Protein backbone atom coordinates (compact mmCIF):
# COMPACT_ATOMS: atom_id res chain seq x y z
CA MET A 1 -191.37 -106.37 99.32
CA SER A 2 -190.63 -108.56 96.27
CA ARG A 3 -187.71 -111.00 96.24
CA ARG A 4 -186.13 -108.91 93.49
CA LEU A 5 -186.11 -105.78 95.65
CA GLU A 6 -184.73 -107.77 98.58
CA ILE A 7 -181.84 -108.98 96.43
CA LEU A 8 -181.19 -105.46 95.12
CA GLU A 9 -181.16 -104.05 98.65
CA GLU A 10 -178.70 -106.73 99.78
CA MET A 11 -176.43 -105.72 96.90
CA GLY A 12 -176.82 -102.00 97.71
CA LEU A 13 -178.61 -101.39 94.40
CA ALA A 14 -182.15 -100.72 95.57
CA PRO A 15 -183.95 -97.88 93.75
CA VAL A 16 -183.41 -94.52 95.40
CA TRP A 17 -186.71 -92.99 94.26
CA ARG A 18 -190.01 -94.54 95.34
CA LEU A 19 -193.49 -93.14 94.92
CA ARG A 20 -194.26 -93.16 98.65
CA LYS A 21 -190.95 -91.62 99.64
CA SER A 22 -190.49 -88.71 97.26
CA ARG A 23 -188.31 -85.81 98.34
CA PRO A 24 -189.89 -82.68 99.78
CA GLY A 25 -190.76 -80.20 97.07
CA VAL A 26 -190.89 -82.80 94.28
CA SER A 27 -194.17 -84.25 93.08
CA ALA A 28 -194.95 -87.97 93.27
CA LYS A 29 -194.98 -88.15 89.47
CA ALA A 30 -191.47 -86.72 89.29
CA ALA A 31 -190.30 -89.12 91.98
CA GLU A 32 -191.01 -92.01 89.66
CA THR A 33 -188.10 -90.87 87.47
CA PRO A 34 -184.55 -91.26 88.80
CA GLY A 35 -182.35 -88.20 89.05
CA SER A 36 -181.45 -85.37 91.36
CA ARG A 37 -184.04 -82.86 92.55
CA GLU A 38 -182.63 -80.30 90.10
CA GLU A 39 -182.83 -82.75 87.22
CA GLN A 40 -186.43 -83.57 88.02
CA ILE A 41 -187.43 -79.92 88.18
CA ALA A 42 -185.67 -79.32 84.85
CA ARG A 43 -188.02 -81.85 83.21
CA MET A 44 -191.28 -80.43 84.59
CA GLU A 45 -193.96 -78.79 82.48
CA TRP A 46 -196.08 -75.91 83.79
CA ALA A 47 -198.71 -77.86 85.71
CA GLU A 48 -196.21 -80.10 87.45
CA LEU A 49 -193.89 -77.18 88.21
CA LYS A 50 -196.70 -75.17 89.81
CA SER A 51 -197.69 -78.18 91.90
CA ALA A 52 -194.10 -78.76 93.00
CA VAL A 53 -193.69 -75.13 94.10
CA ALA A 54 -197.03 -75.17 95.95
CA GLY A 55 -195.99 -78.24 97.92
CA CYS A 56 -192.33 -77.40 98.36
CA THR A 57 -190.77 -77.82 101.82
CA ALA A 58 -187.17 -78.10 100.63
CA CYS A 59 -186.07 -75.19 102.83
CA GLY A 60 -187.43 -73.73 106.05
CA LEU A 61 -189.18 -70.73 104.52
CA ARG A 62 -192.44 -72.53 103.72
CA ALA A 63 -193.13 -73.11 107.41
CA GLY A 64 -193.21 -69.37 108.07
CA CYS A 65 -195.23 -68.05 105.13
CA LYS A 66 -198.90 -68.23 104.21
CA GLN A 67 -198.42 -69.55 100.68
CA THR A 68 -195.95 -69.85 97.86
CA VAL A 69 -195.84 -67.16 95.16
CA PHE A 70 -195.20 -68.88 91.84
CA GLY A 71 -195.36 -66.04 89.33
CA VAL A 72 -197.91 -64.36 87.10
CA GLY A 73 -198.38 -63.30 83.52
CA ASP A 74 -198.10 -64.50 79.95
CA GLU A 75 -196.37 -67.90 79.91
CA SER A 76 -194.97 -67.22 76.44
CA ALA A 77 -194.04 -63.59 77.11
CA ASN A 78 -191.20 -61.71 75.45
CA TRP A 79 -190.52 -59.81 78.68
CA LEU A 80 -189.58 -61.63 81.89
CA LEU A 81 -189.20 -59.52 85.03
CA VAL A 82 -187.46 -61.17 87.96
CA GLY A 83 -187.56 -59.83 91.52
CA GLU A 84 -186.10 -61.12 94.75
CA ALA A 85 -188.73 -62.56 97.10
CA PRO A 86 -192.39 -62.07 98.08
CA GLY A 87 -193.27 -59.42 100.62
CA ALA A 88 -196.17 -59.37 103.06
CA GLU A 89 -198.84 -58.46 100.49
CA GLU A 90 -197.50 -60.96 97.99
CA ASP A 91 -197.55 -63.65 100.65
CA ARG A 92 -201.14 -62.76 101.52
CA LEU A 93 -202.45 -62.69 97.94
CA GLY A 94 -200.17 -65.25 96.28
CA GLU A 95 -199.06 -62.96 93.45
CA PRO A 96 -195.75 -61.11 92.97
CA PHE A 97 -195.57 -57.32 93.15
CA VAL A 98 -199.03 -56.45 94.43
CA GLY A 99 -198.14 -53.92 97.13
CA GLN A 100 -196.92 -50.34 96.69
CA ALA A 101 -193.84 -51.61 94.87
CA GLY A 102 -196.13 -53.50 92.52
CA LYS A 103 -198.18 -50.40 91.78
CA LEU A 104 -195.00 -48.54 90.93
CA LEU A 105 -193.87 -51.36 88.66
CA ASP A 106 -197.26 -51.50 86.92
CA ASN A 107 -197.14 -47.74 86.30
CA MET A 108 -193.67 -47.98 84.83
CA LEU A 109 -194.73 -50.86 82.60
CA ALA A 110 -197.82 -48.95 81.49
CA SER A 111 -195.57 -46.07 80.43
CA LEU A 112 -193.87 -48.55 78.10
CA GLY A 113 -197.22 -49.80 76.78
CA LEU A 114 -196.92 -53.06 78.75
CA GLN A 115 -198.94 -54.80 81.44
CA ARG A 116 -198.29 -57.86 83.54
CA ASP A 117 -200.76 -60.20 81.85
CA LYS A 118 -199.91 -59.33 78.24
CA ASN A 119 -196.49 -60.26 76.87
CA VAL A 120 -194.99 -59.87 80.37
CA TYR A 121 -194.27 -62.50 83.00
CA ILE A 122 -193.23 -61.62 86.56
CA ALA A 123 -191.51 -63.98 88.99
CA ASN A 124 -189.19 -63.96 91.98
CA VAL A 125 -186.00 -65.82 92.79
CA LEU A 126 -187.63 -67.07 95.99
CA LYS A 127 -191.17 -68.42 95.97
CA CYS A 128 -191.69 -67.99 99.74
CA ARG A 129 -191.51 -64.85 101.87
CA PRO A 130 -188.50 -64.66 104.20
CA PRO A 131 -189.53 -63.81 107.79
CA GLY A 132 -189.81 -60.06 108.27
CA ASN A 133 -188.78 -59.52 104.64
CA ARG A 134 -185.16 -60.23 105.60
CA ASN A 135 -182.57 -60.82 102.89
CA PRO A 136 -182.56 -64.32 101.42
CA GLU A 137 -179.93 -66.74 102.69
CA PRO A 138 -177.55 -68.25 100.10
CA SER A 139 -178.86 -71.74 100.86
CA GLU A 140 -182.45 -70.56 100.27
CA VAL A 141 -181.52 -69.03 96.92
CA ALA A 142 -179.69 -72.21 95.90
CA THR A 143 -182.66 -74.39 96.87
CA CYS A 144 -185.28 -72.27 95.08
CA SER A 145 -183.32 -71.25 91.97
CA PRO A 146 -184.11 -74.43 89.98
CA TYR A 147 -187.78 -73.41 89.92
CA LEU A 148 -186.93 -70.03 88.38
CA GLU A 149 -184.52 -71.64 85.95
CA ARG A 150 -187.27 -73.94 84.72
CA GLN A 151 -189.72 -71.04 84.42
CA ILE A 152 -187.23 -69.25 82.20
CA GLU A 153 -186.75 -72.35 80.05
CA LEU A 154 -190.51 -72.75 79.61
CA ILE A 155 -191.22 -69.08 78.89
CA ARG A 156 -188.28 -68.59 76.52
CA PRO A 157 -188.36 -64.80 76.87
CA LYS A 158 -186.63 -62.47 74.48
CA LEU A 159 -185.44 -60.32 77.39
CA ILE A 160 -184.97 -60.64 81.15
CA VAL A 161 -185.10 -57.63 83.46
CA ALA A 162 -183.43 -58.47 86.78
CA MET A 163 -184.70 -56.19 89.55
CA GLY A 164 -182.74 -55.88 92.78
CA ARG A 165 -179.42 -57.15 94.09
CA PHE A 166 -180.40 -60.75 94.76
CA ALA A 167 -182.08 -61.26 91.39
CA VAL A 168 -179.12 -59.72 89.61
CA GLN A 169 -176.48 -61.65 91.53
CA THR A 170 -178.37 -64.93 91.21
CA LEU A 171 -178.99 -64.74 87.46
CA LEU A 172 -175.56 -63.35 86.58
CA ASN A 173 -173.64 -65.30 89.23
CA THR A 174 -171.81 -62.17 90.33
CA ASP A 175 -171.18 -60.07 93.41
CA ALA A 176 -171.02 -56.85 91.41
CA THR A 177 -173.23 -53.93 92.36
CA ILE A 178 -176.29 -52.91 90.39
CA GLY A 179 -174.71 -49.52 89.75
CA SER A 180 -171.76 -51.14 87.99
CA LEU A 181 -173.98 -53.42 85.88
CA ARG A 182 -176.64 -50.95 84.72
CA GLY A 183 -176.74 -49.70 81.16
CA LYS A 184 -175.23 -52.86 79.66
CA VAL A 185 -176.73 -55.90 77.99
CA HIS A 186 -175.77 -59.04 79.90
CA ALA A 187 -176.87 -62.60 79.15
CA TYR A 188 -178.49 -65.47 81.00
CA HIS A 189 -178.02 -68.70 79.03
CA GLY A 190 -178.10 -66.73 75.81
CA VAL A 191 -181.07 -64.54 76.76
CA PRO A 192 -180.32 -60.78 76.88
CA LEU A 193 -180.57 -59.48 80.44
CA VAL A 194 -180.84 -55.90 81.68
CA VAL A 195 -180.24 -54.86 85.28
CA THR A 196 -182.24 -52.35 87.32
CA TYR A 197 -183.25 -51.46 90.85
CA HIS A 198 -186.02 -53.24 92.74
CA PRO A 199 -189.25 -51.19 92.90
CA ALA A 200 -189.29 -51.45 96.72
CA TYR A 201 -185.87 -49.81 96.77
CA LEU A 202 -187.17 -47.01 94.56
CA LEU A 203 -189.92 -46.23 97.07
CA ARG A 204 -187.19 -45.53 99.63
CA ASN A 205 -184.85 -43.78 97.20
CA LEU A 206 -186.98 -41.59 94.97
CA PRO A 207 -184.07 -39.94 93.08
CA ASP A 208 -183.17 -43.31 91.59
CA LYS A 209 -186.58 -43.66 89.92
CA ALA A 210 -185.19 -41.75 86.95
CA LYS A 211 -182.37 -44.28 86.67
CA ALA A 212 -184.82 -47.18 86.79
CA TRP A 213 -186.94 -45.57 84.09
CA ALA A 214 -183.81 -45.19 81.95
CA ASP A 215 -183.10 -48.89 82.51
CA LEU A 216 -186.55 -49.87 81.26
CA VAL A 217 -186.23 -47.64 78.22
CA PHE A 218 -182.87 -49.29 77.56
CA ALA A 219 -184.57 -52.68 77.93
CA ARG A 220 -187.21 -51.67 75.37
CA GLU A 221 -184.51 -50.59 72.93
CA THR A 222 -182.65 -53.85 73.51
CA ILE A 223 -185.66 -56.05 72.76
CA ALA A 224 -186.57 -53.92 69.73
CA SER A 225 -183.12 -54.43 68.25
CA GLY A 226 -183.02 -58.17 69.00
């Protein structure tokens, strides 16, 4: 240790961030720059953000899943679809919405003339699968949300479709039900946001598929008029 650092430590002014002691979930490069974890994530570009998510251990979920699920699609898409958390198939393959719920979502997108790798980006609030697909804990959502926030800032979508209760409540900071929020244009930091049901929910509640389809048609009309 240099004499300068010794003096700073004695005065209680030693640097908080050091390359060898970076916080979990934040890359060594980011650790070189002072600031909170959230502030560091907010400055990351795509490559650094992906690396940070892949190595994140900021909450306990990473210890119980196979891999993180960052997101997939066009990184300058007009459409951003946000789900809740990876399921078993997503955890296995490392991509969001690849199980039966994903097939349903892809079919619905195709009916709108869309697909996940062209003008569409898909991500989740949580990047790790909760054990047994349980509901996310508030602390887990709070810890992981900065990653999604940065994704949104980098993508700059023209429209966000929030799918499922946790995505809706996280992005809109509300406890309101999906039923009460459907059919209206909301906003996330100035970006129009439309609410709908999660595809996994639709597989269990087939009558609501018509409502979800109406939501996507409403989303298409919203982006067309923007």
